[in-house]
N, C-alpha and C. Protein backbone atom coordinates (compact mmCIF):
# COMPACT_ATOMS: atom_id res chain seq x y z
N UNK A 1 -197.36 -59.69 23.45
CA UNK A 1 -198.40 -60.52 24.04
C UNK A 1 -198.78 -61.64 23.09
N UNK A 2 -198.77 -61.31 21.81
CA UNK A 2 -199.17 -62.26 20.79
C UNK A 2 -198.28 -63.52 20.80
N UNK A 3 -197.02 -63.36 21.15
CA UNK A 3 -196.08 -64.48 21.10
C UNK A 3 -195.69 -64.99 22.48
N UNK A 4 -196.43 -64.58 23.50
CA UNK A 4 -196.08 -65.01 24.86
C UNK A 4 -196.18 -66.53 25.02
N UNK A 5 -197.11 -67.17 24.33
CA UNK A 5 -197.23 -68.62 24.42
C UNK A 5 -195.99 -69.30 23.86
N UNK A 6 -195.40 -68.71 22.81
CA UNK A 6 -194.19 -69.27 22.22
C UNK A 6 -193.02 -69.15 23.19
N UNK A 7 -192.93 -68.01 23.85
CA UNK A 7 -191.88 -67.81 24.84
C UNK A 7 -192.05 -68.81 25.99
N UNK A 8 -193.28 -69.01 26.43
CA UNK A 8 -193.55 -69.98 27.49
C UNK A 8 -193.15 -71.38 27.06
N UNK A 9 -193.44 -71.72 25.82
CA UNK A 9 -193.09 -73.03 25.30
C UNK A 9 -191.58 -73.23 25.31
N UNK A 10 -190.83 -72.19 24.99
CA UNK A 10 -189.37 -72.28 25.02
C UNK A 10 -188.87 -72.57 26.42
N UNK A 11 -189.44 -71.90 27.42
CA UNK A 11 -189.01 -72.13 28.80
C UNK A 11 -189.36 -73.55 29.24
N UNK A 12 -190.54 -74.02 28.90
CA UNK A 12 -190.95 -75.37 29.26
C UNK A 12 -190.04 -76.38 28.57
N UNK A 13 -189.75 -76.16 27.31
CA UNK A 13 -188.87 -77.05 26.56
C UNK A 13 -187.49 -77.12 27.18
N UNK A 14 -186.95 -75.99 27.61
CA UNK A 14 -185.65 -75.99 28.26
C UNK A 14 -185.68 -76.71 29.59
N UNK A 15 -186.75 -76.56 30.34
CA UNK A 15 -186.86 -77.23 31.64
C UNK A 15 -186.86 -78.74 31.45
N UNK A 16 -187.59 -79.23 30.45
CA UNK A 16 -187.63 -80.65 30.17
C UNK A 16 -186.27 -81.13 29.68
N UNK A 17 -185.63 -80.35 28.81
CA UNK A 17 -184.35 -80.75 28.25
C UNK A 17 -183.26 -80.82 29.31
N UNK A 18 -183.40 -80.06 30.39
CA UNK A 18 -182.39 -80.04 31.44
C UNK A 18 -182.44 -81.26 32.35
N UNK A 19 -183.46 -82.06 32.25
CA UNK A 19 -183.57 -83.24 33.10
C UNK A 19 -182.48 -84.25 32.71
N UNK A 20 -181.82 -84.78 33.71
CA UNK A 20 -180.81 -85.80 33.47
C UNK A 20 -181.51 -87.07 33.00
N UNK A 21 -181.02 -87.71 31.95
CA UNK A 21 -181.71 -88.90 31.42
C UNK A 21 -182.01 -89.97 32.47
N UNK A 22 -181.13 -90.10 33.44
CA UNK A 22 -181.34 -91.14 34.46
C UNK A 22 -182.57 -90.85 35.33
N UNK A 23 -183.01 -89.59 35.34
CA UNK A 23 -184.16 -89.21 36.17
C UNK A 23 -185.39 -88.82 35.34
N UNK A 24 -185.42 -89.19 34.09
CA UNK A 24 -186.52 -88.79 33.20
C UNK A 24 -187.74 -89.69 33.32
N UNK A 25 -188.14 -90.00 34.51
CA UNK A 25 -189.35 -90.82 34.66
C UNK A 25 -190.07 -90.45 35.95
N UNK A 26 -191.35 -90.74 35.93
CA UNK A 26 -192.15 -90.65 37.14
C UNK A 26 -192.18 -92.06 37.72
N UNK A 27 -192.07 -92.16 39.02
CA UNK A 27 -192.04 -93.46 39.68
C UNK A 27 -193.05 -93.47 40.80
N UNK A 28 -193.75 -94.58 40.91
CA UNK A 28 -194.70 -94.72 42.02
C UNK A 28 -193.92 -95.04 43.29
N UNK A 29 -194.34 -94.43 44.39
CA UNK A 29 -193.72 -94.70 45.68
C UNK A 29 -194.17 -96.06 46.21
N UNK A 30 -193.34 -96.68 47.02
CA UNK A 30 -193.63 -97.99 47.58
C UNK A 30 -194.93 -97.99 48.38
N UNK A 31 -195.77 -98.97 48.09
CA UNK A 31 -197.02 -99.18 48.82
C UNK A 31 -197.89 -97.93 48.84
N UNK A 32 -197.96 -97.25 47.71
CA UNK A 32 -198.68 -95.98 47.63
C UNK A 32 -199.25 -95.82 46.22
N UNK A 33 -200.23 -94.95 46.11
CA UNK A 33 -200.73 -94.57 44.78
C UNK A 33 -200.04 -93.29 44.31
N UNK A 34 -199.26 -92.66 45.19
CA UNK A 34 -198.55 -91.43 44.85
C UNK A 34 -197.33 -91.73 43.99
N UNK A 35 -197.04 -90.80 43.09
CA UNK A 35 -195.84 -90.89 42.26
C UNK A 35 -194.93 -89.71 42.54
N UNK A 36 -193.69 -89.88 42.16
CA UNK A 36 -192.71 -88.81 42.30
C UNK A 36 -192.06 -88.58 40.94
N UNK A 37 -191.94 -87.33 40.56
CA UNK A 37 -191.20 -86.96 39.35
C UNK A 37 -189.74 -86.90 39.76
N UNK A 38 -188.95 -87.86 39.31
CA UNK A 38 -187.57 -87.95 39.76
C UNK A 38 -186.78 -86.68 39.46
N UNK A 39 -187.01 -86.08 38.28
CA UNK A 39 -186.30 -84.84 37.94
C UNK A 39 -186.58 -83.74 38.95
N UNK A 40 -187.83 -83.58 39.30
CA UNK A 40 -188.20 -82.52 40.24
C UNK A 40 -187.65 -82.79 41.63
N UNK A 41 -187.71 -84.03 42.06
CA UNK A 41 -187.34 -84.36 43.43
C UNK A 41 -185.83 -84.44 43.65
N UNK A 42 -185.08 -84.84 42.63
CA UNK A 42 -183.66 -85.13 42.85
C UNK A 42 -182.73 -84.36 41.92
N UNK A 43 -183.25 -83.31 41.29
CA UNK A 43 -182.44 -82.48 40.41
C UNK A 43 -181.22 -81.96 41.16
N UNK A 44 -180.07 -82.08 40.53
CA UNK A 44 -178.80 -81.56 41.05
C UNK A 44 -178.36 -82.21 42.36
N UNK A 45 -178.84 -83.41 42.63
CA UNK A 45 -178.40 -84.13 43.83
C UNK A 45 -177.53 -85.31 43.43
N UNK A 46 -176.65 -85.68 44.34
CA UNK A 46 -175.96 -86.96 44.21
C UNK A 46 -176.93 -88.01 44.74
N UNK A 47 -177.01 -89.13 44.05
CA UNK A 47 -178.00 -90.15 44.40
C UNK A 47 -177.32 -91.52 44.48
N UNK A 48 -177.55 -92.22 45.57
CA UNK A 48 -177.12 -93.61 45.67
C UNK A 48 -178.34 -94.47 45.36
N UNK A 49 -178.29 -95.14 44.22
CA UNK A 49 -179.39 -95.98 43.77
C UNK A 49 -179.09 -97.41 44.21
N UNK A 50 -180.06 -98.01 44.90
CA UNK A 50 -179.85 -99.33 45.48
C UNK A 50 -181.06 -100.21 45.18
N UNK A 51 -180.81 -101.40 44.61
CA UNK A 51 -181.90 -102.36 44.47
C UNK A 51 -181.97 -103.15 45.76
N UNK A 52 -183.16 -103.18 46.34
CA UNK A 52 -183.33 -103.76 47.66
C UNK A 52 -184.21 -105.00 47.63
N UNK A 53 -184.16 -105.74 48.71
CA UNK A 53 -185.03 -106.91 48.90
C UNK A 53 -185.29 -107.06 50.38
N UNK A 54 -186.50 -107.43 50.73
CA UNK A 54 -186.89 -107.50 52.14
C UNK A 54 -186.62 -108.86 52.77
N UNK A 55 -186.21 -109.84 51.97
CA UNK A 55 -185.98 -111.19 52.50
C UNK A 55 -184.61 -111.70 52.09
N UNK A 56 -183.60 -110.90 52.29
CA UNK A 56 -182.25 -111.18 51.80
C UNK A 56 -181.27 -111.12 52.96
N UNK A 57 -180.17 -111.81 52.84
CA UNK A 57 -179.13 -111.75 53.85
C UNK A 57 -178.54 -110.36 54.02
N UNK A 58 -178.71 -109.52 53.01
CA UNK A 58 -178.19 -108.14 53.07
C UNK A 58 -179.24 -107.13 53.53
N UNK A 59 -180.43 -107.59 53.87
CA UNK A 59 -181.51 -106.68 54.24
C UNK A 59 -181.13 -105.74 55.38
N UNK A 60 -180.27 -106.19 56.26
CA UNK A 60 -179.85 -105.33 57.37
C UNK A 60 -179.10 -104.08 56.89
N UNK A 61 -178.69 -104.05 55.62
CA UNK A 61 -178.04 -102.85 55.08
C UNK A 61 -178.98 -101.65 55.06
N UNK A 62 -180.28 -101.88 55.20
CA UNK A 62 -181.21 -100.74 55.29
C UNK A 62 -180.79 -99.77 56.39
N UNK A 63 -180.35 -100.29 57.52
CA UNK A 63 -179.93 -99.42 58.63
C UNK A 63 -178.78 -98.52 58.21
N UNK A 64 -177.78 -99.08 57.58
CA UNK A 64 -176.63 -98.31 57.14
C UNK A 64 -176.97 -97.33 56.04
N UNK A 65 -177.86 -97.72 55.14
CA UNK A 65 -178.30 -96.81 54.08
C UNK A 65 -179.03 -95.61 54.68
N UNK A 66 -179.85 -95.87 55.69
CA UNK A 66 -180.55 -94.78 56.37
C UNK A 66 -179.54 -93.85 57.06
N UNK A 67 -178.51 -94.43 57.66
CA UNK A 67 -177.47 -93.61 58.31
C UNK A 67 -176.76 -92.72 57.29
N UNK A 68 -176.45 -93.27 56.11
CA UNK A 68 -175.83 -92.45 55.05
C UNK A 68 -176.76 -91.32 54.63
N UNK A 69 -178.02 -91.65 54.45
CA UNK A 69 -179.01 -90.65 54.07
C UNK A 69 -179.07 -89.52 55.09
N UNK A 70 -179.14 -89.88 56.35
CA UNK A 70 -179.21 -88.86 57.41
C UNK A 70 -177.94 -88.02 57.47
N UNK A 71 -176.80 -88.65 57.26
CA UNK A 71 -175.51 -87.96 57.35
C UNK A 71 -175.32 -86.93 56.24
N UNK A 72 -175.73 -87.27 55.02
CA UNK A 72 -175.41 -86.44 53.86
C UNK A 72 -176.60 -85.72 53.22
N UNK A 73 -177.82 -85.93 53.71
CA UNK A 73 -178.98 -85.37 53.00
C UNK A 73 -178.97 -83.85 52.92
N UNK A 74 -178.43 -83.17 53.90
CA UNK A 74 -178.39 -81.70 53.84
C UNK A 74 -177.27 -81.19 52.93
N UNK A 75 -176.42 -82.10 52.46
CA UNK A 75 -175.32 -81.72 51.57
C UNK A 75 -175.66 -81.94 50.10
N UNK A 76 -176.92 -82.31 49.81
CA UNK A 76 -177.32 -82.53 48.42
C UNK A 76 -177.21 -83.98 47.99
N UNK A 77 -177.52 -84.89 48.89
CA UNK A 77 -177.41 -86.33 48.64
C UNK A 77 -178.70 -87.02 49.06
N UNK A 78 -179.03 -88.07 48.34
CA UNK A 78 -180.15 -88.92 48.77
C UNK A 78 -179.85 -90.37 48.41
N UNK A 79 -180.52 -91.25 49.09
CA UNK A 79 -180.55 -92.67 48.76
C UNK A 79 -181.90 -92.90 48.10
N UNK A 80 -181.92 -93.72 47.07
CA UNK A 80 -183.16 -94.04 46.37
C UNK A 80 -183.25 -95.56 46.28
N UNK A 81 -184.24 -96.14 46.98
CA UNK A 81 -184.39 -97.58 47.03
C UNK A 81 -185.35 -98.11 45.99
N UNK A 82 -184.94 -99.16 45.31
CA UNK A 82 -185.75 -99.82 44.28
C UNK A 82 -185.97 -101.28 44.68
N UNK A 83 -187.04 -101.59 45.41
CA UNK A 83 -187.31 -102.99 45.73
C UNK A 83 -187.49 -103.79 44.44
N UNK A 84 -186.92 -104.99 44.45
CA UNK A 84 -187.01 -105.83 43.27
C UNK A 84 -187.04 -107.30 43.68
N UNK A 85 -187.79 -108.08 42.94
CA UNK A 85 -187.83 -109.52 43.17
C UNK A 85 -187.05 -110.26 42.09
N UNK A 86 -186.17 -109.57 41.39
CA UNK A 86 -185.38 -110.21 40.33
C UNK A 86 -184.54 -111.37 40.85
N UNK A 87 -184.16 -111.32 42.11
CA UNK A 87 -183.34 -112.37 42.70
C UNK A 87 -184.16 -113.23 43.67
N UNK A 88 -185.49 -113.13 43.54
CA UNK A 88 -186.46 -113.96 44.28
C UNK A 88 -186.36 -113.79 45.80
N UNK A 89 -186.07 -112.55 46.25
CA UNK A 89 -185.98 -112.33 47.69
C UNK A 89 -186.78 -111.11 48.15
N UNK A 90 -187.77 -110.74 47.36
CA UNK A 90 -188.70 -109.68 47.77
C UNK A 90 -190.11 -110.10 47.37
N UNK A 91 -190.46 -111.32 47.77
CA UNK A 91 -191.79 -111.84 47.46
C UNK A 91 -192.80 -111.25 48.43
N UNK A 92 -194.04 -111.46 48.13
CA UNK A 92 -195.08 -110.94 49.01
C UNK A 92 -195.54 -109.58 48.54
N UNK A 93 -196.31 -108.94 49.39
CA UNK A 93 -196.94 -107.67 49.02
C UNK A 93 -195.99 -106.50 49.20
N UNK A 94 -196.31 -105.41 48.52
CA UNK A 94 -195.58 -104.17 48.73
C UNK A 94 -195.78 -103.68 50.16
N UNK A 95 -196.94 -103.97 50.72
CA UNK A 95 -197.21 -103.59 52.11
C UNK A 95 -196.19 -104.24 53.05
N UNK A 96 -195.89 -105.52 52.80
CA UNK A 96 -194.90 -106.22 53.63
C UNK A 96 -193.51 -105.62 53.42
N UNK A 97 -193.16 -105.33 52.18
CA UNK A 97 -191.85 -104.72 51.89
C UNK A 97 -191.74 -103.37 52.61
N UNK A 98 -192.79 -102.57 52.55
CA UNK A 98 -192.79 -101.27 53.23
C UNK A 98 -192.64 -101.44 54.73
N UNK A 99 -193.28 -102.45 55.30
CA UNK A 99 -193.17 -102.70 56.74
C UNK A 99 -191.73 -103.02 57.11
N UNK A 100 -191.10 -103.88 56.35
CA UNK A 100 -189.70 -104.24 56.63
C UNK A 100 -188.82 -102.99 56.58
N UNK A 101 -189.00 -102.19 55.54
CA UNK A 101 -188.18 -100.98 55.39
C UNK A 101 -188.42 -99.98 56.50
N UNK A 102 -189.67 -99.62 56.66
CA UNK A 102 -190.01 -98.49 57.53
C UNK A 102 -190.08 -98.86 59.01
N UNK A 103 -190.76 -99.96 59.32
CA UNK A 103 -190.93 -100.32 60.73
C UNK A 103 -189.74 -101.09 61.29
N UNK A 104 -189.26 -102.07 60.54
CA UNK A 104 -188.16 -102.89 61.06
C UNK A 104 -186.82 -102.16 61.03
N UNK A 105 -186.60 -101.31 60.00
CA UNK A 105 -185.30 -100.67 59.84
C UNK A 105 -185.34 -99.14 59.89
N UNK A 106 -186.49 -98.55 60.05
CA UNK A 106 -186.58 -97.09 60.20
C UNK A 106 -186.23 -96.29 58.98
N UNK A 107 -186.43 -96.85 57.80
CA UNK A 107 -186.08 -96.17 56.55
C UNK A 107 -186.97 -94.95 56.34
N UNK A 108 -186.35 -93.81 56.08
CA UNK A 108 -187.09 -92.59 55.72
C UNK A 108 -186.71 -92.10 54.33
N UNK A 109 -185.64 -92.65 53.74
CA UNK A 109 -185.27 -92.23 52.39
C UNK A 109 -186.30 -92.77 51.40
N UNK A 110 -186.42 -92.17 50.23
CA UNK A 110 -187.45 -92.58 49.27
C UNK A 110 -187.29 -94.04 48.82
N UNK A 111 -188.38 -94.76 48.93
CA UNK A 111 -188.46 -96.13 48.43
C UNK A 111 -189.53 -96.15 47.35
N UNK A 112 -189.18 -96.71 46.21
CA UNK A 112 -190.10 -96.73 45.08
C UNK A 112 -190.81 -98.07 44.99
N UNK A 113 -191.80 -98.13 44.15
CA UNK A 113 -192.56 -99.36 43.95
C UNK A 113 -191.65 -100.46 43.41
N UNK A 114 -192.01 -101.68 43.72
CA UNK A 114 -191.23 -102.83 43.25
C UNK A 114 -191.16 -102.82 41.72
N UNK A 115 -189.97 -103.07 41.20
CA UNK A 115 -189.79 -103.13 39.75
C UNK A 115 -188.59 -104.01 39.44
N UNK A 116 -188.45 -104.34 38.18
CA UNK A 116 -187.30 -105.12 37.74
C UNK A 116 -186.10 -104.19 37.59
N UNK A 117 -184.92 -104.71 37.88
CA UNK A 117 -183.70 -103.90 37.79
C UNK A 117 -182.70 -104.46 36.79
N UNK A 118 -183.10 -105.50 36.08
CA UNK A 118 -182.21 -106.07 35.07
C UNK A 118 -183.03 -106.66 33.93
N UNK A 119 -182.37 -106.83 32.81
CA UNK A 119 -183.03 -107.42 31.66
C UNK A 119 -183.89 -106.44 30.88
N UNK A 120 -184.66 -107.00 29.95
CA UNK A 120 -185.48 -106.19 29.05
C UNK A 120 -186.59 -105.43 29.76
N UNK A 121 -187.04 -105.91 30.90
CA UNK A 121 -188.14 -105.27 31.63
C UNK A 121 -187.65 -104.34 32.74
N UNK A 122 -186.37 -104.01 32.73
CA UNK A 122 -185.80 -103.18 33.80
C UNK A 122 -186.46 -101.81 33.87
N UNK A 123 -186.54 -101.31 35.08
CA UNK A 123 -187.00 -99.94 35.35
C UNK A 123 -186.18 -98.97 34.48
N UNK A 124 -186.79 -97.88 33.99
CA UNK A 124 -186.05 -96.93 33.15
C UNK A 124 -184.76 -96.40 33.79
N UNK A 125 -184.73 -96.25 35.10
CA UNK A 125 -183.51 -95.80 35.78
C UNK A 125 -182.40 -96.83 35.57
N UNK A 126 -182.73 -98.09 35.72
CA UNK A 126 -181.73 -99.15 35.55
C UNK A 126 -181.37 -99.35 34.08
N UNK A 127 -182.29 -99.06 33.18
CA UNK A 127 -181.95 -99.09 31.76
C UNK A 127 -180.88 -98.04 31.45
N UNK A 128 -181.03 -96.85 32.04
CA UNK A 128 -180.05 -95.79 31.83
C UNK A 128 -178.71 -96.14 32.48
N UNK A 129 -178.75 -96.75 33.64
CA UNK A 129 -177.50 -97.20 34.28
C UNK A 129 -176.78 -98.17 33.36
N UNK A 130 -177.52 -99.12 32.81
CA UNK A 130 -176.89 -100.10 31.91
C UNK A 130 -176.35 -99.41 30.66
N UNK A 131 -177.08 -98.44 30.15
CA UNK A 131 -176.63 -97.70 28.96
C UNK A 131 -175.30 -97.00 29.25
N UNK A 132 -175.19 -96.40 30.43
CA UNK A 132 -173.97 -95.67 30.79
C UNK A 132 -172.80 -96.58 31.15
N UNK A 133 -173.07 -97.72 31.78
CA UNK A 133 -171.99 -98.52 32.36
C UNK A 133 -171.88 -99.94 31.82
N UNK A 134 -172.89 -100.39 31.13
CA UNK A 134 -173.01 -101.78 30.70
C UNK A 134 -173.05 -102.75 31.90
N UNK A 135 -173.53 -102.24 33.04
CA UNK A 135 -173.65 -103.05 34.25
C UNK A 135 -175.11 -103.19 34.67
N UNK A 136 -175.40 -104.33 35.26
CA UNK A 136 -176.68 -104.56 35.92
C UNK A 136 -176.37 -105.08 37.32
N UNK A 137 -177.30 -104.91 38.26
CA UNK A 137 -177.06 -105.47 39.58
C UNK A 137 -176.83 -106.98 39.49
N UNK A 138 -175.84 -107.45 40.21
CA UNK A 138 -175.55 -108.88 40.23
C UNK A 138 -176.28 -109.58 41.37
N UNK A 139 -176.77 -108.77 42.32
CA UNK A 139 -177.50 -109.31 43.46
C UNK A 139 -178.22 -108.15 44.13
N UNK A 140 -178.97 -108.43 45.17
CA UNK A 140 -179.65 -107.40 45.94
C UNK A 140 -178.64 -106.48 46.63
N UNK A 141 -179.03 -105.25 46.83
CA UNK A 141 -178.23 -104.23 47.51
C UNK A 141 -176.95 -103.89 46.74
N UNK A 142 -177.04 -103.99 45.41
CA UNK A 142 -175.99 -103.49 44.54
C UNK A 142 -176.21 -101.98 44.46
N UNK A 143 -175.15 -101.22 44.52
CA UNK A 143 -175.27 -99.77 44.65
C UNK A 143 -174.61 -99.05 43.49
N UNK A 144 -175.29 -98.01 42.99
CA UNK A 144 -174.75 -97.14 41.94
C UNK A 144 -174.78 -95.71 42.45
N UNK A 145 -173.64 -95.04 42.40
CA UNK A 145 -173.56 -93.65 42.83
C UNK A 145 -173.64 -92.75 41.60
N UNK A 146 -174.59 -91.84 41.61
CA UNK A 146 -174.86 -90.92 40.50
C UNK A 146 -174.46 -89.52 40.95
N UNK A 147 -173.71 -88.81 40.11
CA UNK A 147 -173.34 -87.44 40.49
C UNK A 147 -174.46 -86.46 40.13
N UNK A 148 -174.24 -85.19 40.43
CA UNK A 148 -175.28 -84.18 40.22
C UNK A 148 -175.55 -83.91 38.74
N UNK A 149 -174.71 -84.45 37.86
CA UNK A 149 -174.93 -84.31 36.42
C UNK A 149 -175.66 -85.52 35.84
N UNK A 150 -175.99 -86.48 36.69
CA UNK A 150 -176.71 -87.67 36.23
C UNK A 150 -175.81 -88.76 35.69
N UNK A 151 -174.53 -88.70 36.00
CA UNK A 151 -173.58 -89.70 35.51
C UNK A 151 -173.30 -90.73 36.61
N UNK A 152 -173.25 -91.99 36.21
CA UNK A 152 -172.86 -93.03 37.15
C UNK A 152 -171.36 -92.89 37.37
N UNK A 153 -170.95 -92.61 38.60
CA UNK A 153 -169.53 -92.39 38.88
C UNK A 153 -168.90 -93.56 39.63
N UNK A 154 -169.71 -94.45 40.19
CA UNK A 154 -169.16 -95.60 40.90
C UNK A 154 -170.26 -96.65 41.09
N UNK A 155 -169.82 -97.88 41.21
CA UNK A 155 -170.75 -98.96 41.55
C UNK A 155 -170.11 -99.80 42.64
N UNK A 156 -170.96 -100.39 43.46
CA UNK A 156 -170.49 -101.14 44.61
C UNK A 156 -171.30 -102.43 44.72
N UNK A 157 -170.62 -103.56 44.82
CA UNK A 157 -171.36 -104.82 44.97
C UNK A 157 -172.04 -104.89 46.33
N UNK A 158 -172.89 -105.86 46.47
CA UNK A 158 -173.66 -106.06 47.70
C UNK A 158 -172.77 -106.18 48.93
N UNK A 159 -171.59 -106.74 48.75
CA UNK A 159 -170.69 -106.97 49.89
C UNK A 159 -170.10 -105.68 50.45
N UNK A 160 -170.16 -104.58 49.69
CA UNK A 160 -169.71 -103.28 50.21
C UNK A 160 -170.85 -102.71 51.04
N UNK A 161 -170.64 -102.65 52.33
CA UNK A 161 -171.69 -102.21 53.24
C UNK A 161 -171.78 -100.69 53.27
N UNK A 162 -172.94 -100.16 53.65
CA UNK A 162 -173.11 -98.70 53.70
C UNK A 162 -172.13 -98.00 54.64
N UNK A 163 -171.63 -98.69 55.65
CA UNK A 163 -170.67 -98.05 56.56
C UNK A 163 -169.22 -98.18 56.09
N UNK A 164 -169.04 -98.70 54.90
CA UNK A 164 -167.70 -98.84 54.32
C UNK A 164 -167.07 -97.48 54.05
N UNK A 165 -165.80 -97.33 54.40
CA UNK A 165 -165.10 -96.07 54.12
C UNK A 165 -164.99 -95.85 52.61
N UNK A 166 -164.93 -96.92 51.84
CA UNK A 166 -164.89 -96.81 50.38
C UNK A 166 -166.13 -96.10 49.85
N UNK A 167 -167.28 -96.48 50.35
CA UNK A 167 -168.54 -95.86 49.91
C UNK A 167 -168.65 -94.43 50.42
N UNK A 168 -168.34 -94.20 51.69
CA UNK A 168 -168.41 -92.84 52.25
C UNK A 168 -167.48 -91.89 51.51
N UNK A 169 -166.27 -92.36 51.20
CA UNK A 169 -165.31 -91.51 50.50
C UNK A 169 -165.81 -91.17 49.10
N UNK A 170 -166.41 -92.14 48.42
CA UNK A 170 -166.95 -91.88 47.08
C UNK A 170 -168.07 -90.85 47.14
N UNK A 171 -168.93 -90.96 48.14
CA UNK A 171 -170.02 -89.98 48.30
C UNK A 171 -169.44 -88.60 48.56
N UNK A 172 -168.49 -88.51 49.48
CA UNK A 172 -167.88 -87.21 49.81
C UNK A 172 -167.17 -86.60 48.61
N UNK A 173 -166.47 -87.42 47.83
CA UNK A 173 -165.81 -86.91 46.62
C UNK A 173 -166.83 -86.40 45.60
N UNK A 174 -167.92 -87.13 45.45
CA UNK A 174 -168.97 -86.73 44.51
C UNK A 174 -169.62 -85.43 44.95
N UNK A 175 -169.88 -85.28 46.23
CA UNK A 175 -170.46 -84.04 46.75
C UNK A 175 -169.48 -82.88 46.61
N UNK A 176 -168.20 -83.12 46.84
CA UNK A 176 -167.19 -82.06 46.71
C UNK A 176 -167.08 -81.59 45.26
N UNK A 177 -167.16 -82.52 44.31
CA UNK A 177 -167.10 -82.14 42.90
C UNK A 177 -168.31 -81.31 42.50
N UNK A 178 -169.45 -81.60 43.09
CA UNK A 178 -170.67 -80.83 42.78
C UNK A 178 -170.51 -79.39 43.24
N UNK A 179 -169.82 -79.18 44.35
CA UNK A 179 -169.62 -77.84 44.89
C UNK A 179 -168.66 -77.04 44.01
N UNK A 180 -167.63 -77.71 43.46
CA UNK A 180 -166.63 -77.01 42.65
C UNK A 180 -167.09 -76.78 41.22
N UNK A 181 -168.11 -77.47 40.77
CA UNK A 181 -168.59 -77.30 39.38
C UNK A 181 -169.61 -76.21 39.26
């Protein structure tokens, strides 16, 4: 009993250490005061990380991203949207961005608060992506596929649409590898 606190500390330390570096942050949800602990919410999932914009020629990709989310979410996959104004196409309020996502395109996958996705002020998730790949988004709707171990396994430029067989095959391969590991 005397050392039970030490044992508890060991378990807590291991739980924290098990978090994949790419998910070691709390993020505020879009147009909300609520935050999500990425480790808790997306532990052991394959994640498609996408920087989004509500006023971009690629904005219609929200529909396809939602379709991917619906198709694979029960298999251990999620889409994670990061609205960003780094390319000057997500101006205005977060409320407007949320409206475009949710009302105009029916997005139900997690959308986080607007943040930077490149440069010195990049969101911690994008800092880790750059650390792993030396890549930053070149435009809106640039996609990074993360496996269940927190490794970036593929990246896709904006021109690769969510309904692309290239993207679907990469997701399916990533999910299959998670099952065999």
